[in-house]
């Protein structure tokens, strides 16, 4: 057995557990620490992103990056029940394939596709790394919150390049652990994390591999120095000043020009082109 085959086999086994985790999510099988983090992520952080329209801004930017889909074959990687742009892509792409490990989630997405009568779209429950996934030659791979689920990033890069068409692009959105405050928090949390086997936020090393293997056409930072605006928001000072200052910080994060400038951020979204 070659080293690559061994690595793939090990990852496929981890992904079986990941499938069980997402299939059982509705029954609240997260441990206490993971549940607490979920509440923070879907509470204070979500409210902050919503108040300053950060999430919608990301999706709107992705729409721009997607461009005219009428002649494009699109892979919606790790889409679960469908993310914010899944149906948009399914309706407008020449061909749309949504895949996820969770067969329960994919069944739900397939029903949406059939309801919208998207004849050139389908949802498949399959592992991206599995030989069972035979589709290839994608013009766009859309991966919202997915690429950081692969511990062996070299293997992922090889598979992405295998599945992309010539000059194809990847649109990604993933968490980072490139700043010391976030790295420390994640290190303290990790021993208690129920989904730690497939949660690998991008490190500086990961970003270097991305930069080496793809052309980075666009990079946007989210919740860099602006994350401290969450604390600023609670201070008893002028609302006008707070909103102005937080807006400035958000713009500074968003308008990154280099990989290094995104290091302070909690998340980054990237437009990558196959070399």
Protein backbone atom coordinates (compact mmCIF):
# COMPACT_ATOMS: atom_id res chain seq x y z
CA UNK A 1 0.00 0.00 0.00
CA UNK A 2 1.45 3.40 -1.00
CA UNK A 3 1.64 6.28 1.48
CA UNK A 4 -1.02 8.24 -0.42
CA UNK A 5 -3.37 5.24 -0.43
CA UNK A 6 -2.80 4.76 3.30
CA UNK A 7 -3.50 8.43 4.01
CA UNK A 8 -6.66 8.36 1.90
CA UNK A 9 -7.90 5.23 3.67
CA UNK A 10 -7.33 6.81 7.08
CA UNK A 11 -9.14 9.99 6.08
CA UNK A 12 -12.09 8.05 4.66
CA UNK A 13 -12.43 6.32 8.04
CA UNK A 14 -12.43 9.69 9.83
CA UNK A 15 -15.03 10.93 7.37
CA UNK A 16 -17.31 8.04 8.27
CA UNK A 17 -17.34 9.38 11.83
CA UNK A 18 -17.88 12.88 10.47
CA UNK A 19 -20.91 11.61 8.54
CA UNK A 20 -22.35 10.07 11.71
CA UNK A 21 -21.76 13.34 13.57
CA UNK A 22 -23.65 15.45 11.04
CA UNK A 23 -26.40 12.88 10.62
CA UNK A 24 -26.92 12.90 14.39
CA UNK A 25 -26.60 16.67 14.86
CA UNK A 26 -30.37 17.03 15.22
CA UNK A 27 -30.24 14.85 18.33
CA UNK A 28 -27.79 17.23 20.05
CA UNK A 29 -24.90 14.80 20.40
CA UNK A 30 -22.35 17.60 20.81
CA UNK A 31 -20.44 17.55 24.08
CA UNK A 32 -20.63 20.43 26.54
CA UNK A 33 -17.58 22.32 25.24
CA UNK A 34 -18.66 22.05 21.60
CA UNK A 35 -22.19 23.14 22.52
CA UNK A 36 -20.83 26.21 24.36
CA UNK A 37 -18.65 27.17 21.37
CA UNK A 38 -21.63 26.70 19.04
CA UNK A 39 -23.67 29.08 21.18
CA UNK A 40 -20.92 31.71 21.06
CA UNK A 41 -20.44 31.25 17.31
CA UNK A 42 -24.17 31.32 16.62
CA UNK A 43 -24.89 33.93 19.27
CA UNK A 44 -22.58 36.89 19.89
CA UNK A 45 -20.45 36.38 16.76
CA UNK A 46 -23.48 35.79 14.53
CA UNK A 47 -25.25 38.87 15.93
CA UNK A 48 -22.14 40.98 15.34
CA UNK A 49 -21.78 39.73 11.74
CA UNK A 50 -25.47 40.35 11.16
CA UNK A 51 -25.47 43.85 12.66
CA UNK A 52 -22.63 44.93 10.40
CA UNK A 53 -23.87 42.87 7.41
CA UNK A 54 -20.64 40.86 7.23
CA UNK A 55 -22.21 37.49 6.30
CA UNK A 56 -24.32 38.94 3.48
CA UNK A 57 -21.29 40.79 2.20
CA UNK A 58 -19.38 37.52 1.90
CA UNK A 59 -22.20 35.87 -0.07
CA UNK A 60 -22.59 38.89 -2.34
CA UNK A 61 -18.86 38.82 -3.04
CA UNK A 62 -19.13 35.12 -3.84
CA UNK A 63 -21.90 35.88 -6.33
CA UNK A 64 -19.56 38.29 -8.08
CA UNK A 65 -16.78 35.69 -8.09
CA UNK A 66 -19.16 33.04 -9.49
CA UNK A 67 -19.92 35.27 -12.46
CA UNK A 68 -22.14 34.09 -15.29
CA UNK A 69 -22.89 30.44 -14.55
CA UNK A 70 -24.76 29.61 -17.76
CA UNK A 71 -21.76 27.80 -19.27
CA UNK A 72 -20.22 26.56 -16.01
CA UNK A 73 -20.09 23.14 -14.36
CA UNK A 74 -20.21 23.72 -10.60
CA UNK A 75 -19.35 21.49 -7.65
CA UNK A 76 -20.92 22.57 -4.34
CA UNK A 77 -18.52 20.78 -1.99
CA UNK A 78 -19.69 19.85 1.52
CA UNK A 79 -22.98 21.69 0.99
CA UNK A 80 -24.98 19.83 3.68
CA UNK A 81 -28.68 20.74 3.17
CA UNK A 82 -27.71 23.62 0.93
CA UNK A 83 -25.88 26.80 1.89
CA UNK A 84 -26.99 30.35 1.12
CA UNK A 85 -25.97 30.10 -2.56
CA UNK A 86 -26.71 26.43 -3.32
CA UNK A 87 -30.07 26.99 -4.98
CA UNK A 88 -28.77 30.06 -6.82
CA UNK A 89 -26.03 27.89 -8.34
CA UNK A 90 -28.41 24.99 -8.99
CA UNK A 91 -30.82 27.27 -10.88
CA UNK A 92 -28.21 29.12 -12.93
CA UNK A 93 -25.34 26.73 -13.66
CA UNK A 94 -25.06 24.70 -16.85
CA UNK A 95 -24.52 21.75 -14.51
CA UNK A 96 -24.64 21.67 -10.71
CA UNK A 97 -23.47 18.85 -8.43
CA UNK A 98 -23.89 19.24 -4.67
CA UNK A 99 -22.11 16.68 -2.49
CA UNK A 100 -21.90 16.00 1.22
CA UNK A 101 -21.07 13.12 3.55
CA UNK A 102 -24.49 13.28 5.19
CA UNK A 103 -27.09 11.28 3.27
CA UNK A 104 -29.83 12.83 5.42
CA UNK A 105 -28.74 16.36 4.45
CA UNK A 106 -28.35 15.44 0.78
CA UNK A 107 -31.85 13.95 0.66
CA UNK A 108 -33.15 17.29 1.91
CA UNK A 109 -31.17 19.22 -0.73
CA UNK A 110 -32.32 16.90 -3.52
CA UNK A 111 -35.94 17.57 -2.56
CA UNK A 112 -35.29 21.33 -2.86
CA UNK A 113 -33.71 20.81 -6.28
CA UNK A 114 -36.69 18.78 -7.48
CA UNK A 115 -39.16 21.31 -6.06
CA UNK A 116 -37.39 24.12 -7.96
CA UNK A 117 -37.27 21.92 -11.09
CA UNK A 118 -33.55 22.43 -11.58
CA UNK A 119 -33.11 19.80 -14.29
CA UNK A 120 -29.35 20.20 -14.62
CA UNK A 121 -28.75 19.83 -10.88
CA UNK A 122 -28.35 16.90 -8.53
CA UNK A 123 -27.28 16.20 -4.95
CA UNK A 124 -25.12 13.19 -4.09
CA UNK A 125 -24.14 11.70 -0.72
CA UNK A 126 -20.48 10.84 -1.31
CA UNK A 127 -17.01 11.48 0.09
CA UNK A 128 -15.03 13.92 -2.06
CA UNK A 129 -11.90 11.77 -1.67
CA UNK A 130 -13.64 8.49 -2.40
CA UNK A 131 -13.09 6.71 -5.75
CA UNK A 132 -16.91 6.48 -5.85
CA UNK A 133 -16.99 10.19 -6.70
CA UNK A 134 -16.15 10.04 -10.38
CA UNK A 135 -17.36 13.50 -11.53
CA UNK A 136 -14.63 15.78 -12.79
CA UNK A 137 -13.84 18.77 -15.02
CA UNK A 138 -15.54 21.37 -12.80
CA UNK A 139 -15.21 25.02 -13.77
CA UNK A 140 -16.00 26.09 -10.20
CA UNK A 141 -15.62 24.33 -6.86
CA UNK A 142 -17.60 26.20 -4.23
CA UNK A 143 -16.42 25.24 -0.74
CA UNK A 144 -18.09 27.24 2.03
CA UNK A 145 -16.66 26.20 5.40
CA UNK A 146 -15.30 22.92 4.00
CA UNK A 147 -11.59 22.92 3.10
CA UNK A 148 -10.48 23.13 6.74
CA UNK A 149 -12.08 19.70 7.36
CA UNK A 150 -9.12 17.99 5.66
CA UNK A 151 -6.12 17.32 7.92
CA UNK A 152 -3.95 16.14 5.03
CA UNK A 153 -4.00 19.33 2.99
CA UNK A 154 -1.55 18.05 0.37
CA UNK A 155 -3.97 15.24 -0.46
CA UNK A 156 -6.82 17.75 -0.69
CA UNK A 157 -4.84 20.01 -3.03
CA UNK A 158 -4.13 17.07 -5.34
CA UNK A 159 -7.81 16.09 -5.40
CA UNK A 160 -8.97 19.67 -6.04
CA UNK A 161 -6.60 19.96 -9.00
CA UNK A 162 -7.77 16.58 -10.29
CA UNK A 163 -11.42 17.67 -10.21
CA UNK A 164 -10.95 21.18 -11.63
CA UNK A 165 -11.08 21.93 -15.32
CA UNK A 166 -8.23 23.79 -16.98
CA UNK A 167 -8.25 27.33 -15.59
CA UNK A 168 -10.97 26.32 -13.07
CA UNK A 169 -11.51 28.23 -9.83
CA UNK A 170 -12.19 27.51 -6.15
CA UNK A 171 -14.24 29.79 -3.92
CA UNK A 172 -13.58 29.06 -0.26
CA UNK A 173 -14.50 30.35 3.18
CA UNK A 174 -12.72 28.92 6.23
CA UNK A 175 -11.68 29.68 9.82
CA UNK A 176 -8.09 30.64 10.62
CA UNK A 177 -5.76 30.12 13.55
CA UNK A 178 -3.08 32.49 12.35
CA UNK A 179 -3.26 35.03 15.21
CA UNK A 180 -2.03 34.28 18.71
CA UNK A 181 -5.29 35.10 20.58
CA UNK A 182 -7.31 32.72 18.36
CA UNK A 183 -4.59 30.06 18.35
CA UNK A 184 -4.49 30.07 22.17
CA UNK A 185 -8.28 29.85 22.44
CA UNK A 186 -8.47 27.01 19.93
CA UNK A 187 -5.63 25.14 21.70
CA UNK A 188 -7.44 25.38 25.04
CA UNK A 189 -10.73 24.28 23.49
CA UNK A 190 -9.43 21.48 21.27
CA UNK A 191 -9.08 18.69 23.92
CA UNK A 192 -12.81 19.02 24.63
CA UNK A 193 -13.93 19.43 21.01
CA UNK A 194 -16.20 16.61 19.83
CA UNK A 195 -15.50 17.32 16.14
CA UNK A 196 -11.74 17.85 16.47
CA UNK A 197 -10.83 14.97 14.12
CA UNK A 198 -12.07 16.95 11.12
CA UNK A 199 -11.66 20.55 12.28
CA UNK A 200 -8.33 21.97 11.13
CA UNK A 201 -8.56 25.79 10.87
CA UNK A 202 -6.05 27.20 8.40
CA UNK A 203 -2.60 27.85 9.83
CA UNK A 204 0.09 30.00 8.25
CA UNK A 205 1.54 26.77 6.83
CA UNK A 206 -1.82 25.93 5.20
CA UNK A 207 -2.07 29.39 3.65
CA UNK A 208 1.49 29.04 2.34
CA UNK A 209 0.53 25.76 0.62
CA UNK A 210 -2.49 27.46 -0.95
CA UNK A 211 -0.34 30.32 -2.19
CA UNK A 212 2.20 27.85 -3.61
CA UNK A 213 -0.32 25.64 -5.44
CA UNK A 214 -2.93 28.11 -6.71
CA UNK A 215 -3.10 31.62 -8.04
CA UNK A 216 -4.80 33.76 -5.39
CA UNK A 217 -6.97 36.15 -7.37
CA UNK A 218 -8.86 37.60 -4.40
CA UNK A 219 -8.53 37.37 -0.62
CA UNK A 220 -10.85 38.91 1.97
CA UNK A 221 -10.39 38.88 5.75
CA UNK A 222 -13.26 38.62 8.23
CA UNK A 223 -13.15 39.41 11.96
CA UNK A 224 -9.53 40.49 12.19
CA UNK A 225 -8.99 43.59 14.26
CA UNK A 226 -12.72 44.20 13.84
CA UNK A 227 -13.44 41.28 16.22
CA UNK A 228 -12.42 43.60 19.06
CA UNK A 229 -15.38 45.71 17.98
CA UNK A 230 -17.54 43.14 19.79
CA UNK A 231 -16.09 44.44 23.07
CA UNK A 232 -16.16 48.05 21.87
CA UNK A 233 -19.84 47.62 21.09
CA UNK A 234 -20.62 47.12 24.80
CA UNK A 235 -18.73 50.18 26.06
CA UNK A 236 -20.74 53.20 27.28
CA UNK A 237 -19.52 55.56 24.57
CA UNK A 238 -21.14 57.27 21.61
CA UNK A 239 -22.93 54.83 19.27
CA UNK A 240 -21.94 57.00 16.32
CA UNK A 241 -18.27 56.68 17.25
CA UNK A 242 -18.54 52.93 17.87
CA UNK A 243 -20.24 52.25 14.56
CA UNK A 244 -17.77 54.40 12.65
CA UNK A 245 -14.74 52.79 14.30
CA UNK A 246 -16.03 49.23 13.85
CA UNK A 247 -16.89 49.93 10.19
CA UNK A 248 -13.31 51.16 9.63
CA UNK A 249 -11.88 48.01 11.21
CA UNK A 250 -14.15 45.80 9.09
CA UNK A 251 -12.99 47.56 5.91
CA UNK A 252 -9.33 47.13 6.88
CA UNK A 253 -9.88 43.40 7.39
CA UNK A 254 -11.84 43.08 4.15
CA UNK A 255 -9.38 44.91 1.92
CA UNK A 256 -6.43 42.57 2.37
CA UNK A 257 -3.88 42.51 -0.42
CA UNK A 258 -1.58 39.74 0.81
CA UNK A 259 -1.75 36.47 2.74
CA UNK A 260 0.15 38.09 5.62
CA UNK A 261 -2.51 40.80 6.02
CA UNK A 262 -5.16 38.17 6.70
CA UNK A 263 -3.27 36.62 9.64
CA UNK A 264 -5.12 38.64 12.36
CA UNK A 265 -8.50 37.43 11.05
CA UNK A 266 -10.76 34.67 12.34
CA UNK A 267 -11.95 33.77 8.84
CA UNK A 268 -10.84 34.30 5.26
CA UNK A 269 -12.54 33.87 1.92
CA UNK A 270 -10.45 33.17 -1.16
CA UNK A 271 -10.84 33.08 -4.92
CA UNK A 272 -8.26 30.61 -6.22
CA UNK A 273 -7.41 29.70 -9.79
CA UNK A 274 -5.83 26.47 -10.96
CA UNK A 275 -2.27 26.98 -12.13
